[in-house]
Protein backbone atom coordinates (compact mmCIF):
# COMPACT_ATOMS: atom_id res chain seq x y z
CA UNK A 1 7.02 33.48 28.93
CA UNK A 2 4.10 32.52 26.67
CA UNK A 3 6.02 33.58 23.56
CA UNK A 4 9.00 31.56 24.76
CA UNK A 5 6.90 28.39 24.87
CA UNK A 6 5.59 29.03 21.37
CA UNK A 7 9.11 29.49 20.03
CA UNK A 8 10.30 26.29 21.72
CA UNK A 9 7.32 24.35 20.34
CA UNK A 10 8.06 25.62 16.84
CA UNK A 11 11.72 24.63 17.13
CA UNK A 12 10.75 21.12 18.24
CA UNK A 13 8.25 20.83 15.40
CA UNK A 14 10.83 22.00 12.85
CA UNK A 15 13.25 19.35 14.11
CA UNK A 16 10.57 16.68 13.80
CA UNK A 17 9.81 17.81 10.26
CA UNK A 18 13.49 17.63 9.29
CA UNK A 19 13.84 14.17 10.80
CA UNK A 20 10.72 13.02 8.96
CA UNK A 21 12.12 14.18 5.63
CA UNK A 22 15.39 12.34 6.35
CA UNK A 23 13.41 9.23 7.28
CA UNK A 24 11.49 9.40 4.00
CA UNK A 25 14.70 9.68 1.98
CA UNK A 26 16.08 6.56 3.66
CA UNK A 27 12.87 4.63 2.95
CA UNK A 28 12.81 5.81 -0.67
CA UNK A 29 16.42 4.75 -1.29
CA UNK A 30 15.73 1.38 0.31
CA UNK A 31 12.69 0.75 -1.86
CA UNK A 32 14.46 1.84 -5.05
CA UNK A 33 17.26 -0.66 -4.38
CA UNK A 34 14.91 -3.59 -3.78
CA UNK A 35 14.18 -6.28 -6.34
CA UNK A 36 10.63 -6.85 -7.55
CA UNK A 37 9.14 -9.15 -4.96
CA UNK A 38 6.06 -11.31 -4.56
CA UNK A 39 3.47 -12.38 -7.11
CA UNK A 40 3.91 -10.01 -10.03
CA UNK A 41 0.95 -10.16 -12.38
CA UNK A 42 0.72 -8.66 -15.85
CA UNK A 43 -0.86 -5.27 -15.29
CA UNK A 44 -1.55 -1.95 -17.04
CA UNK A 45 -1.47 1.81 -16.46
CA UNK A 46 -5.06 1.92 -15.26
CA UNK A 47 -4.37 -0.59 -12.50
CA UNK A 48 -1.22 1.26 -11.46
CA UNK A 49 -3.17 4.52 -11.25
CA UNK A 50 -6.01 2.99 -9.23
CA UNK A 51 -3.55 1.47 -6.76
CA UNK A 52 -1.78 4.82 -6.49
CA UNK A 53 -5.06 6.54 -5.60
CA UNK A 54 -5.67 3.89 -2.94
CA UNK A 55 -2.23 4.48 -1.46
CA UNK A 56 -2.69 8.24 -1.49
CA UNK A 57 -6.00 7.90 0.34
CA UNK A 58 -4.48 5.51 2.87
CA UNK A 59 -1.59 7.86 3.65
CA UNK A 60 -3.98 10.82 3.98
CA UNK A 61 -6.12 8.83 6.42
CA UNK A 62 -3.05 7.85 8.43
CA UNK A 63 -1.93 11.48 8.50
CA UNK A 64 -5.32 12.43 9.92
CA UNK A 65 -5.33 9.53 12.38
CA UNK A 66 -1.99 10.41 13.95
CA UNK A 67 -2.81 14.12 13.96
CA UNK A 68 -5.98 13.39 15.93
CA UNK A 69 -3.89 11.27 18.31
CA UNK A 70 -1.45 14.18 18.80
CA UNK A 71 1.38 12.06 17.38
CA UNK A 72 2.92 14.76 15.22
CA UNK A 73 6.08 12.82 14.42
CA UNK A 74 4.04 10.06 12.75
CA UNK A 75 1.77 12.68 11.19
CA UNK A 76 4.72 14.27 9.40
CA UNK A 77 6.16 10.94 8.27
CA UNK A 78 2.94 9.87 6.57
CA UNK A 79 2.42 13.34 5.10
CA UNK A 80 5.90 13.14 3.55
CA UNK A 81 5.18 9.68 2.10
CA UNK A 82 2.00 11.13 0.62
CA UNK A 83 4.06 13.83 -1.07
CA UNK A 84 6.56 11.28 -2.35
CA UNK A 85 3.85 9.10 -3.90
CA UNK A 86 2.41 11.93 -5.98
CA UNK A 87 5.25 12.85 -8.34
CA UNK A 88 5.48 15.30 -11.23
CA UNK A 89 4.80 12.63 -13.85
CA UNK A 90 1.52 11.69 -12.22
CA UNK A 91 0.52 15.33 -11.89
CA UNK A 92 1.31 15.97 -15.56
CA UNK A 93 -0.72 12.93 -16.59
CA UNK A 94 -3.79 14.17 -14.71
CA UNK A 95 -3.22 17.73 -15.87
CA UNK A 96 -3.52 16.59 -19.48
CA UNK A 97 -6.99 15.27 -18.66
CA UNK A 98 -8.19 18.00 -16.33
CA UNK A 99 -6.01 20.88 -15.16
CA UNK A 100 -8.32 21.90 -12.31
CA UNK A 101 -8.23 18.44 -10.74
CA UNK A 102 -4.44 18.27 -11.03
CA UNK A 103 -4.07 21.67 -9.41
CA UNK A 104 -6.41 20.77 -6.57
CA UNK A 105 -4.55 17.53 -5.84
CA UNK A 106 -1.24 19.39 -5.82
CA UNK A 107 -2.71 21.96 -3.45
CA UNK A 108 -3.90 19.27 -1.05
CA UNK A 109 -0.52 17.53 -1.18
CA UNK A 110 1.16 20.81 -0.26
CA UNK A 111 -1.30 21.32 2.61
CA UNK A 112 -0.45 17.90 4.03
CA UNK A 113 3.30 18.40 3.64
CA UNK A 114 3.12 21.68 5.58
CA UNK A 115 0.76 20.42 8.25
CA UNK A 116 1.32 22.03 11.62
CA UNK A 117 -0.78 21.81 14.79
CA UNK A 118 -0.37 25.57 15.14
CA UNK A 119 -2.14 26.36 11.86
CA UNK A 120 -4.78 23.64 11.40
CA UNK A 121 -7.45 22.21 13.70
CA UNK A 122 -8.58 18.62 14.01
CA UNK A 123 -11.90 19.52 12.38
CA UNK A 124 -10.11 21.17 9.48
CA UNK A 125 -7.82 18.23 8.80
CA UNK A 126 -10.78 15.83 8.80
CA UNK A 127 -12.50 17.98 6.17
CA UNK A 128 -9.27 18.28 4.19
CA UNK A 129 -8.96 14.48 3.98
CA UNK A 130 -12.58 14.11 2.83
CA UNK A 131 -12.14 16.79 0.16
CA UNK A 132 -8.85 15.22 -0.94
CA UNK A 133 -10.49 11.83 -1.37
CA UNK A 134 -13.30 13.42 -3.36
CA UNK A 135 -10.94 15.06 -5.85
CA UNK A 136 -8.99 11.78 -6.18
CA UNK A 137 -12.26 10.09 -7.14
CA UNK A 138 -12.72 12.80 -9.76
CA UNK A 139 -9.25 12.03 -11.05
CA UNK A 140 -10.25 8.39 -11.50
CA UNK A 141 -13.34 9.40 -13.48
CA UNK A 142 -11.33 11.52 -15.95
CA UNK A 143 -8.37 9.14 -16.13
CA UNK A 144 -10.09 5.76 -16.48
CA UNK A 145 -13.11 4.85 -18.60
CA UNK A 146 -16.10 3.34 -16.84
CA UNK A 147 -15.89 -0.01 -18.65
CA UNK A 148 -12.25 -0.48 -17.57
CA UNK A 149 -12.99 0.69 -14.04
CA UNK A 150 -15.87 -1.78 -13.66
CA UNK A 151 -13.91 -4.66 -15.18
CA UNK A 152 -13.41 -7.42 -12.60
CA UNK A 153 -9.88 -8.20 -13.82
CA UNK A 154 -8.89 -4.57 -13.38
CA UNK A 155 -10.19 -4.60 -9.81
CA UNK A 156 -8.50 -7.93 -9.04
CA UNK A 157 -5.15 -6.62 -10.30
CA UNK A 158 -5.74 -3.50 -8.21
CA UNK A 159 -6.13 -5.73 -5.15
CA UNK A 160 -3.08 -7.83 -6.04
CA UNK A 161 -0.96 -4.70 -6.39
CA UNK A 162 -2.02 -3.43 -2.97
CA UNK A 163 -1.44 -6.86 -1.41
CA UNK A 164 2.15 -6.75 -2.66
CA UNK A 165 2.51 -3.32 -1.06
CA UNK A 166 1.27 -4.77 2.22
CA UNK A 167 3.85 -7.54 1.90
CA UNK A 168 6.72 -5.09 1.35
CA UNK A 169 5.64 -2.68 4.10
CA UNK A 170 5.06 -5.42 6.66
CA UNK A 171 8.52 -6.84 5.88
CA UNK A 172 9.95 -3.36 6.36
CA UNK A 173 8.14 -3.20 9.70
CA UNK A 174 10.50 -5.90 10.95
CA UNK A 175 13.49 -4.64 8.93
CA UNK A 176 13.62 -7.81 6.85
CA UNK A 177 13.61 -8.39 3.09
CA UNK A 178 10.29 -9.38 1.49
CA UNK A 179 10.00 -12.90 0.14
CA UNK A 180 11.02 -13.05 -3.51
CA UNK A 181 8.25 -15.38 -4.65
CA UNK A 182 8.88 -14.71 -8.34
CA UNK A 183 12.50 -15.78 -7.99
CA UNK A 184 11.40 -18.87 -6.06
CA UNK A 185 9.08 -19.77 -8.90
CA UNK A 186 11.86 -19.33 -11.46
CA UNK A 187 14.07 -21.67 -9.45
CA UNK A 188 11.33 -24.28 -9.34
CA UNK A 189 10.71 -24.19 -13.11
CA UNK A 190 14.18 -23.53 -14.54
CA UNK A 191 14.73 -27.19 -15.41
CA UNK A 192 11.70 -27.30 -17.72
CA UNK A 193 12.06 -23.73 -19.06
CA UNK A 194 8.33 -23.25 -18.76
CA UNK A 195 6.58 -20.14 -17.48
CA UNK A 196 3.87 -21.29 -15.09
CA UNK A 197 0.41 -19.80 -15.06
CA UNK A 198 -0.34 -20.81 -11.49
CA UNK A 199 1.54 -20.44 -8.24
CA UNK A 200 -0.26 -21.95 -5.29
CA UNK A 201 2.56 -22.35 -2.80
CA UNK A 202 2.11 -24.27 0.40
CA UNK A 203 3.16 -23.00 3.81
CA UNK A 204 5.86 -25.68 3.81
CA UNK A 205 7.42 -24.37 0.61
CA UNK A 206 7.30 -20.82 1.96
CA UNK A 207 9.08 -21.91 5.12
CA UNK A 208 11.82 -23.54 3.06
CA UNK A 209 12.53 -20.27 1.29
CA UNK A 210 12.94 -18.08 4.36
CA UNK A 211 15.42 -15.45 3.19
CA UNK A 212 16.23 -14.42 6.76
CA UNK A 213 16.59 -17.67 8.72
CA UNK A 214 19.05 -16.38 11.31
CA UNK A 215 18.01 -12.81 12.15
CA UNK A 216 14.27 -12.14 12.27
CA UNK A 217 13.01 -9.55 14.72
CA UNK A 218 9.90 -10.49 16.67
CA UNK A 219 9.07 -6.86 17.42
CA UNK A 220 7.97 -4.05 15.12
CA UNK A 221 11.03 -1.97 14.21
CA UNK A 222 9.45 0.54 11.82
CA UNK A 223 6.15 2.00 13.01
CA UNK A 224 5.53 3.98 9.82
CA UNK A 225 5.84 0.92 7.59
CA UNK A 226 3.64 -1.02 10.00
CA UNK A 227 0.91 1.64 9.96
CA UNK A 228 1.03 1.68 6.16
CA UNK A 229 0.69 -2.11 5.96
CA UNK A 230 -2.26 -2.05 8.36
CA UNK A 231 -3.96 0.85 6.58
CA UNK A 232 -3.59 -0.82 3.19
CA UNK A 233 -4.98 -4.09 4.57
CA UNK A 234 -8.15 -2.22 5.56
CA UNK A 235 -8.32 -0.71 2.06
CA UNK A 236 -7.98 -4.17 0.49
CA UNK A 237 -10.75 -5.54 2.69
CA UNK A 238 -13.11 -2.71 1.73
CA UNK A 239 -12.31 -3.03 -1.98
CA UNK A 240 -12.89 -6.77 -2.04
CA UNK A 241 -16.33 -6.37 -0.49
CA UNK A 242 -17.23 -4.24 -3.49
CA UNK A 243 -16.12 -6.70 -6.21
CA UNK A 244 -16.73 -10.19 -4.80
CA UNK A 245 -20.49 -10.30 -5.55
CA UNK A 246 -19.87 -11.05 -9.25
CA UNK A 247 -18.41 -14.47 -8.40
CA UNK A 248 -20.31 -15.34 -5.23
CA UNK A 249 -22.97 -17.34 -7.11
CA UNK A 250 -20.77 -19.34 -9.50
CA UNK A 251 -17.61 -19.70 -7.40
CA UNK A 252 -18.74 -19.49 -3.76
CA UNK A 253 -15.94 -21.69 -2.34
CA UNK A 254 -13.19 -19.74 -4.06
CA UNK A 255 -14.73 -16.42 -3.02
CA UNK A 256 -15.00 -17.61 0.59
CA UNK A 257 -11.39 -18.78 0.57
CA UNK A 258 -10.20 -15.41 -0.69
CA UNK A 259 -12.44 -13.54 1.74
CA UNK A 260 -11.12 -15.56 4.68
CA UNK A 261 -7.56 -14.96 3.51
CA UNK A 262 -8.06 -11.19 3.45
CA UNK A 263 -9.75 -11.27 6.86
CA UNK A 264 -6.85 -13.30 8.26
CA UNK A 265 -4.37 -10.85 6.75
CA UNK A 266 -5.98 -7.94 8.59
CA UNK A 267 -6.08 -9.89 11.85
CA UNK A 268 -2.44 -11.01 11.61
CA UNK A 269 -1.27 -7.45 11.04
CA UNK A 270 -3.48 -6.05 13.80
CA UNK A 271 -1.97 -8.59 16.19
CA UNK A 272 1.56 -7.77 14.95
CA UNK A 273 2.36 -11.41 14.30
CA UNK A 274 5.70 -12.38 12.70
CA UNK A 275 6.26 -11.49 9.06
CA UNK A 276 6.31 -15.18 8.10
CA UNK A 277 2.61 -15.40 9.05
CA UNK A 278 1.77 -12.63 6.58
CA UNK A 279 3.83 -14.35 3.89
CA UNK A 280 1.87 -17.57 4.32
CA UNK A 281 -1.53 -15.95 3.98
CA UNK A 282 -0.51 -13.64 1.11
CA UNK A 283 1.43 -16.11 -1.02
CA UNK A 284 -0.26 -19.28 0.17
CA UNK A 285 -3.89 -18.06 -0.01
CA UNK A 286 -4.66 -14.54 -1.23
CA UNK A 287 -2.53 -14.15 -4.35
CA UNK A 288 -3.10 -17.72 -5.63
CA UNK A 289 -6.84 -17.30 -5.02
CA UNK A 290 -6.91 -13.98 -6.89
CA UNK A 291 -4.96 -15.59 -9.71
CA UNK A 292 -7.30 -18.56 -10.00
CA UNK A 293 -10.58 -16.71 -9.48
CA UNK A 294 -9.84 -13.87 -11.90
CA UNK A 295 -7.51 -15.75 -14.27
CA UNK A 296 -4.58 -13.41 -13.67
CA UNK A 297 -1.37 -14.02 -15.62
CA UNK A 298 2.00 -14.05 -13.91
CA UNK A 299 4.54 -11.63 -15.31
CA UNK A 300 7.88 -13.44 -14.96
CA UNK A 301 10.90 -12.57 -17.05
CA UNK A 302 13.35 -15.36 -17.84
């Protein structure tokens, strides 16, 4: 009888794993078909890599969180997203800098993708996440020079990139399209053929450009996307605490405005408020404040 239960548990877990992989494929196809949404700032490879590391850490932490909560379905979904984020191109790029680090990251990714409550304990997964984060930090040190890493513009663009990811994931939580702020800006400036360097949009303007005026769910529809948005919002909050000190003396009002915007973003997501509330704080406060405080340039193609 005991062996029968084990076999049944394994069958159930295999089914959950298969469903999780199918879910990930659907999400991946959806994202690949989307336009580029939100404030898109001119960026570089270093910023993209830093944001990727942040997303990898966030997904690893979510994998651990749901494993500890005995929610194995969610555990597998986040583990599969983790695997999807770290592709062969990224691995090759790191391998060119340090083969050991690349191999260790790949090994950790494989461990997460094969996670099973029958072969790993809660203590072991907690240690695995800590070790994974440590080797990702090593990857940053060999991939990005210290002067670029400590540059305030680099860190601001890192934040802006993650904020856009929060926007997209929170929209996906409600099964709605993210607001195409860049397209809105092009519409507003097409008559003058000028590329603006600032985009401080009011809540009223955001309301006018609701892309889903008739069908907007008031309940979370996609728990995985929601958890990702929430996890990334925590990451953004922690990162901003580490970079804001440089401007606190000379630009205290702007720093406070941005800090309050990030705090409000976390609160709105924690309370599962409508997507429009997140849009207002991201595109009405956070991104314009980042742009003004760190002199970020919008990347808009005509």
